[in-house]
Structures are given as C-alpha cells and as structure tokens.
Amino acid sequence: MQLPVNELTHGLAFHPEFALCRPAPPYDEPAHLRRMRQVLEDSRAVALRQAAEEAEGACNDAACRELRRKAEEHEAEALPQLRDVRHFEGLLDQAAATLDKVR
C-alpha cells in the first residue's frame, strides 16, 4: 500500500487542526494557509484549461478535450475530497495503518 503523500500534505492546508506541531514562521500565518488553499483550489484546473487553450490548433482535439476533462475532474472530485474532513481523517488512518505495517 502506498502513502497518499500529496493528499496528506494538501489536506493539511484545509485541515490544519490535525497538525501535531505548528509550522515555523512565516508558514504559521493564517493568511499563508488561506493562500495555500487558494492555490490548491485554483491552480491545477486553471493550468489544465490554459494548456488546452494554448494547445488548440497545435495538437489534436482529443488532447485538448482530455486536458479540459482533467480540469473538470479536479474541480468535481479532488477539491471536494480535500475539503471533506472525514475523507482527510480516513487518509490519516490509512497512513497510520501503512506505517504500522512497516514497523
């Protein structure tokens, strides 16, 4: 079983109450966490849409459609999971179980 490192790391931006220790300055500022959440919410979908727009004419329509589909998937599936505290708790439990097997 693999650890979902990206999801765990990104999830902490949405659920900082699960962190066992406070991040070092300047990362402990509430504005920094808000910015991290904003980047996670916006950047991937925006980048995929921008890539699709820039690729139009330069690549085939199937590639552009796939980039747009991934942007929509990110907004429809990944973001709700990041925001869902129960999903994040499940990831933490999964990570703990995996690490217990390694010990």
N, C-alpha and C. Protein backbone atom coordinates (compact mmCIF):
# COMPACT_ATOMS: atom_id res chain seq x y z
N MET A 1 0.85 -1.18 0.00
CA MET A 1 0.00 0.00 0.00
C MET A 1 0.89 1.24 0.00
N GLN A 2 0.50 2.24 -0.76
CA GLN A 2 1.27 3.47 -0.85
C GLN A 2 0.66 4.54 0.05
N LEU A 3 1.52 5.42 0.52
CA LEU A 3 1.04 6.57 1.29
C LEU A 3 0.60 7.68 0.33
N PRO A 4 -0.57 8.24 0.54
CA PRO A 4 -1.04 9.34 -0.32
C PRO A 4 -0.42 10.66 0.14
N VAL A 5 0.87 10.81 -0.10
CA VAL A 5 1.63 11.94 0.44
C VAL A 5 1.08 13.28 -0.03
N ASN A 6 0.78 13.40 -1.32
CA ASN A 6 0.25 14.67 -1.81
C ASN A 6 -1.07 15.02 -1.15
N GLU A 7 -1.96 14.05 -1.07
CA GLU A 7 -3.25 14.31 -0.44
C GLU A 7 -3.10 14.67 1.03
N LEU A 8 -2.19 14.00 1.72
CA LEU A 8 -1.97 14.32 3.14
C LEU A 8 -1.43 15.73 3.30
N THR A 9 -0.46 16.07 2.47
CA THR A 9 0.15 17.40 2.55
C THR A 9 -0.87 18.48 2.19
N HIS A 10 -1.57 18.28 1.10
CA HIS A 10 -2.56 19.26 0.67
C HIS A 10 -3.72 19.34 1.66
N GLY A 11 -4.09 18.21 2.22
CA GLY A 11 -5.19 18.19 3.18
C GLY A 11 -4.91 19.03 4.40
N LEU A 12 -3.66 19.11 4.81
CA LEU A 12 -3.32 19.93 5.98
C LEU A 12 -3.60 21.41 5.74
N ALA A 13 -3.56 21.85 4.49
CA ALA A 13 -3.89 23.24 4.19
C ALA A 13 -5.37 23.51 4.47
N PHE A 14 -6.20 22.49 4.33
CA PHE A 14 -7.64 22.62 4.57
C PHE A 14 -8.01 22.26 6.00
N HIS A 15 -7.18 21.45 6.64
CA HIS A 15 -7.50 20.96 7.99
C HIS A 15 -6.28 21.09 8.90
N PRO A 16 -5.81 22.31 9.15
CA PRO A 16 -4.59 22.49 9.95
C PRO A 16 -4.74 22.03 11.39
N GLU A 17 -5.96 21.83 11.84
CA GLU A 17 -6.17 21.38 13.22
C GLU A 17 -5.60 19.98 13.47
N PHE A 18 -5.26 19.24 12.40
CA PHE A 18 -4.70 17.90 12.55
C PHE A 18 -3.18 17.92 12.69
N ALA A 19 -2.56 19.04 12.47
CA ALA A 19 -1.10 19.13 12.57
C ALA A 19 -0.69 18.97 14.04
N LEU A 20 0.31 18.16 14.28
CA LEU A 20 0.76 17.93 15.65
C LEU A 20 1.64 19.05 16.17
N CYS A 21 2.27 19.77 15.27
CA CYS A 21 3.08 20.91 15.68
C CYS A 21 2.84 22.05 14.68
N ARG A 22 3.00 23.24 15.19
CA ARG A 22 2.77 24.41 14.33
C ARG A 22 3.92 24.56 13.34
N PRO A 23 3.59 24.96 12.12
CA PRO A 23 4.66 25.24 11.17
C PRO A 23 5.51 26.42 11.64
N ALA A 24 6.72 26.47 11.17
CA ALA A 24 7.61 27.58 11.51
C ALA A 24 7.19 28.83 10.75
N PRO A 25 7.45 30.00 11.34
CA PRO A 25 7.15 31.25 10.63
C PRO A 25 7.90 31.30 9.30
N PRO A 26 7.35 31.83 8.27
CA PRO A 26 6.09 32.55 8.14
C PRO A 26 4.92 31.65 7.81
N TYR A 27 5.14 30.33 7.79
CA TYR A 27 4.10 29.39 7.36
C TYR A 27 2.99 29.21 8.38
N ASP A 28 3.16 29.76 9.56
CA ASP A 28 2.14 29.63 10.60
C ASP A 28 1.09 30.74 10.52
N GLU A 29 1.25 31.68 9.63
CA GLU A 29 0.30 32.78 9.50
C GLU A 29 -0.99 32.30 8.84
N PRO A 30 -2.16 32.68 9.36
CA PRO A 30 -3.43 32.29 8.74
C PRO A 30 -3.52 32.69 7.27
N ALA A 31 -2.96 33.83 6.92
CA ALA A 31 -3.00 34.27 5.52
C ALA A 31 -2.25 33.30 4.62
N HIS A 32 -1.18 32.71 5.15
CA HIS A 32 -0.41 31.74 4.36
C HIS A 32 -1.25 30.50 4.08
N LEU A 33 -1.96 30.00 5.09
CA LEU A 33 -2.83 28.84 4.87
C LEU A 33 -3.94 29.16 3.89
N ARG A 34 -4.51 30.35 3.98
CA ARG A 34 -5.56 30.74 3.01
C ARG A 34 -4.99 30.74 1.59
N ARG A 35 -3.78 31.26 1.45
CA ARG A 35 -3.15 31.30 0.12
C ARG A 35 -2.87 29.89 -0.38
N MET A 36 -2.42 29.01 0.49
CA MET A 36 -2.18 27.62 0.09
C MET A 36 -3.47 26.97 -0.39
N ARG A 37 -4.55 27.19 0.35
CA ARG A 37 -5.85 26.63 -0.07
C ARG A 37 -6.26 27.19 -1.43
N GLN A 38 -6.07 28.49 -1.60
CA GLN A 38 -6.44 29.12 -2.86
C GLN A 38 -5.65 28.53 -4.03
N VAL A 39 -4.37 28.35 -3.83
CA VAL A 39 -3.53 27.77 -4.88
C VAL A 39 -4.01 26.36 -5.21
N LEU A 40 -4.27 25.56 -4.18
CA LEU A 40 -4.73 24.20 -4.41
C LEU A 40 -6.09 24.18 -5.11
N GLU A 41 -6.95 25.10 -4.76
CA GLU A 41 -8.27 25.14 -5.37
C GLU A 41 -8.23 25.60 -6.81
N ASP A 42 -7.35 26.53 -7.12
CA ASP A 42 -7.39 27.18 -8.43
C ASP A 42 -6.34 26.70 -9.42
N SER A 43 -5.15 26.42 -8.95
CA SER A 43 -4.02 26.30 -9.88
C SER A 43 -4.12 25.15 -10.87
N ARG A 44 -4.49 23.98 -10.42
CA ARG A 44 -4.47 22.83 -11.32
C ARG A 44 -5.51 22.97 -12.42
N ALA A 45 -6.73 23.31 -12.04
CA ALA A 45 -7.78 23.46 -13.04
C ALA A 45 -7.45 24.58 -14.01
N VAL A 46 -6.95 25.69 -13.49
CA VAL A 46 -6.59 26.83 -14.34
C VAL A 46 -5.47 26.43 -15.30
N ALA A 47 -4.46 25.76 -14.80
CA ALA A 47 -3.33 25.35 -15.64
C ALA A 47 -3.77 24.39 -16.74
N LEU A 48 -4.64 23.45 -16.39
CA LEU A 48 -5.11 22.50 -17.40
C LEU A 48 -5.95 23.19 -18.47
N ARG A 49 -6.82 24.11 -18.06
CA ARG A 49 -7.62 24.84 -19.05
C ARG A 49 -6.73 25.70 -19.94
N GLN A 50 -5.76 26.35 -19.33
CA GLN A 50 -4.84 27.19 -20.09
C GLN A 50 -4.05 26.34 -21.09
N ALA A 51 -3.60 25.18 -20.66
CA ALA A 51 -2.87 24.28 -21.57
C ALA A 51 -3.77 23.85 -22.73
N ALA A 52 -5.03 23.58 -22.44
CA ALA A 52 -5.96 23.19 -23.51
C ALA A 52 -6.15 24.32 -24.51
N GLU A 53 -6.30 25.55 -24.00
CA GLU A 53 -6.48 26.69 -24.89
C GLU A 53 -5.23 26.93 -25.74
N GLU A 54 -4.06 26.83 -25.12
CA GLU A 54 -2.82 27.06 -25.86
C GLU A 54 -2.54 25.94 -26.85
N ALA A 55 -3.05 24.75 -26.56
CA ALA A 55 -2.79 23.61 -27.44
C ALA A 55 -3.72 23.56 -28.64
N GLU A 56 -4.83 24.29 -28.58
CA GLU A 56 -5.77 24.27 -29.71
C GLU A 56 -5.04 24.68 -30.98
N GLY A 57 -5.19 23.87 -31.98
CA GLY A 57 -4.53 24.14 -33.24
C GLY A 57 -3.15 23.52 -33.31
N ALA A 58 -2.49 23.39 -32.18
CA ALA A 58 -1.15 22.82 -32.17
C ALA A 58 -1.19 21.30 -31.96
N CYS A 59 -2.27 20.81 -31.38
CA CYS A 59 -2.37 19.37 -31.16
C CYS A 59 -3.77 18.92 -31.58
N ASN A 60 -4.02 17.66 -31.43
CA ASN A 60 -5.33 17.17 -31.86
C ASN A 60 -6.41 17.51 -30.84
N ASP A 61 -7.63 17.47 -31.31
CA ASP A 61 -8.77 17.82 -30.45
C ASP A 61 -8.91 16.89 -29.26
N ALA A 62 -8.52 15.63 -29.43
CA ALA A 62 -8.64 14.67 -28.33
C ALA A 62 -7.76 15.09 -27.15
N ALA A 63 -6.56 15.56 -27.41
CA ALA A 63 -5.67 16.01 -26.33
C ALA A 63 -6.25 17.22 -25.61
N CYS A 64 -6.81 18.15 -26.35
CA CYS A 64 -7.42 19.34 -25.74
C CYS A 64 -8.63 18.95 -24.89
N ARG A 65 -9.44 18.04 -25.41
CA ARG A 65 -10.60 17.57 -24.64
C ARG A 65 -10.16 16.90 -23.35
N GLU A 66 -9.07 16.11 -23.43
CA GLU A 66 -8.57 15.41 -22.24
C GLU A 66 -8.08 16.41 -21.19
N LEU A 67 -7.40 17.45 -21.60
CA LEU A 67 -6.95 18.48 -20.65
C LEU A 67 -8.15 19.15 -19.97
N ARG A 68 -9.17 19.46 -20.75
CA ARG A 68 -10.38 20.07 -20.16
C ARG A 68 -11.08 19.10 -19.21
N ARG A 69 -11.12 17.81 -19.60
CA ARG A 69 -11.75 16.80 -18.75
C ARG A 69 -11.02 16.70 -17.41
N LYS A 70 -9.70 16.72 -17.45
CA LYS A 70 -8.92 16.65 -16.21
C LYS A 70 -9.17 17.87 -15.33
N ALA A 71 -9.31 19.04 -15.92
CA ALA A 71 -9.61 20.25 -15.15
C ALA A 71 -10.97 20.11 -14.46
N GLU A 72 -11.96 19.62 -15.20
CA GLU A 72 -13.29 19.42 -14.62
C GLU A 72 -13.27 18.35 -13.54
N GLU A 73 -12.51 17.28 -13.77
CA GLU A 73 -12.40 16.21 -12.77
C GLU A 73 -11.78 16.74 -11.49
N HIS A 74 -10.76 17.57 -11.62
CA HIS A 74 -10.11 18.16 -10.44
C HIS A 74 -11.12 18.96 -9.62
N GLU A 75 -11.92 19.76 -10.31
CA GLU A 75 -12.90 20.59 -9.60
C GLU A 75 -14.03 19.75 -9.02
N ALA A 76 -14.43 18.69 -9.72
CA ALA A 76 -15.58 17.90 -9.28
C ALA A 76 -15.22 16.84 -8.24
N GLU A 77 -13.99 16.31 -8.28
CA GLU A 77 -13.65 15.19 -7.41
C GLU A 77 -12.55 15.50 -6.40
N ALA A 78 -11.45 16.03 -6.87
CA ALA A 78 -10.30 16.24 -5.97
C ALA A 78 -10.58 17.32 -4.93
N LEU A 79 -11.13 18.43 -5.35
CA LEU A 79 -11.37 19.52 -4.39
C LEU A 79 -12.37 19.14 -3.30
N PRO A 80 -13.49 18.53 -3.63
CA PRO A 80 -14.39 18.12 -2.54
C PRO A 80 -13.74 17.16 -1.55
N GLN A 81 -12.87 16.29 -2.05
CA GLN A 81 -12.17 15.38 -1.15
C GLN A 81 -11.22 16.13 -0.24
N LEU A 82 -10.51 17.13 -0.78
CA LEU A 82 -9.60 17.92 0.05
C LEU A 82 -10.36 18.66 1.14
N ARG A 83 -11.54 19.13 0.83
CA ARG A 83 -12.33 19.92 1.78
C ARG A 83 -13.04 19.06 2.83
N ASP A 84 -13.22 17.79 2.55
CA ASP A 84 -14.01 16.90 3.42
C ASP A 84 -13.15 16.38 4.57
N VAL A 85 -13.48 16.80 5.79
CA VAL A 85 -12.70 16.42 6.96
C VAL A 85 -12.75 14.91 7.19
N ARG A 86 -13.87 14.26 6.92
CA ARG A 86 -13.95 12.81 7.11
C ARG A 86 -13.03 12.07 6.14
N HIS A 87 -12.97 12.57 4.92
CA HIS A 87 -12.06 11.96 3.94
C HIS A 87 -10.61 12.11 4.42
N PHE A 88 -10.27 13.29 4.94
CA PHE A 88 -8.92 13.52 5.43
C PHE A 88 -8.61 12.63 6.63
N GLU A 89 -9.56 12.47 7.53
CA GLU A 89 -9.36 11.56 8.66
C GLU A 89 -9.09 10.14 8.17
N GLY A 90 -9.82 9.73 7.14
CA GLY A 90 -9.60 8.41 6.56
C GLY A 90 -8.20 8.26 5.98
N LEU A 91 -7.71 9.32 5.33
CA LEU A 91 -6.34 9.30 4.81
C LEU A 91 -5.33 9.16 5.93
N LEU A 92 -5.56 9.88 7.03
CA LEU A 92 -4.66 9.77 8.18
C LEU A 92 -4.67 8.36 8.75
N ASP A 93 -5.85 7.76 8.87
CA ASP A 93 -5.96 6.38 9.36
C ASP A 93 -5.24 5.41 8.42
N GLN A 94 -5.41 5.62 7.11
CA GLN A 94 -4.76 4.77 6.12
C GLN A 94 -3.24 4.90 6.24
N ALA A 95 -2.75 6.10 6.39
CA ALA A 95 -1.31 6.32 6.52
C ALA A 95 -0.79 5.67 7.81
N ALA A 96 -1.52 5.81 8.89
CA ALA A 96 -1.10 5.20 10.15
C ALA A 96 -1.04 3.68 10.03
N ALA A 97 -2.05 3.08 9.39
CA ALA A 97 -2.06 1.63 9.22
C ALA A 97 -0.88 1.17 8.36
N THR A 98 -0.58 1.92 7.33
CA THR A 98 0.56 1.59 6.47
C THR A 98 1.87 1.67 7.23
N LEU A 99 2.03 2.73 7.99
CA LEU A 99 3.26 2.89 8.77
C LEU A 99 3.38 1.83 9.86
N ASP A 100 2.26 1.41 10.43
CA ASP A 100 2.30 0.35 11.45
C ASP A 100 2.80 -0.95 10.84
N LYS A 101 2.48 -1.21 9.58
CA LYS A 101 2.93 -2.43 8.91
C LYS A 101 4.43 -2.40 8.67
N VAL A 102 4.98 -1.22 8.49
CA VAL A 102 6.40 -1.07 8.20
C VAL A 102 7.25 -1.28 9.45
N ARG A 103 6.70 -0.91 10.60
CA ARG A 103 7.48 -1.01 11.84
C ARG A 103 7.87 -2.40 12.15
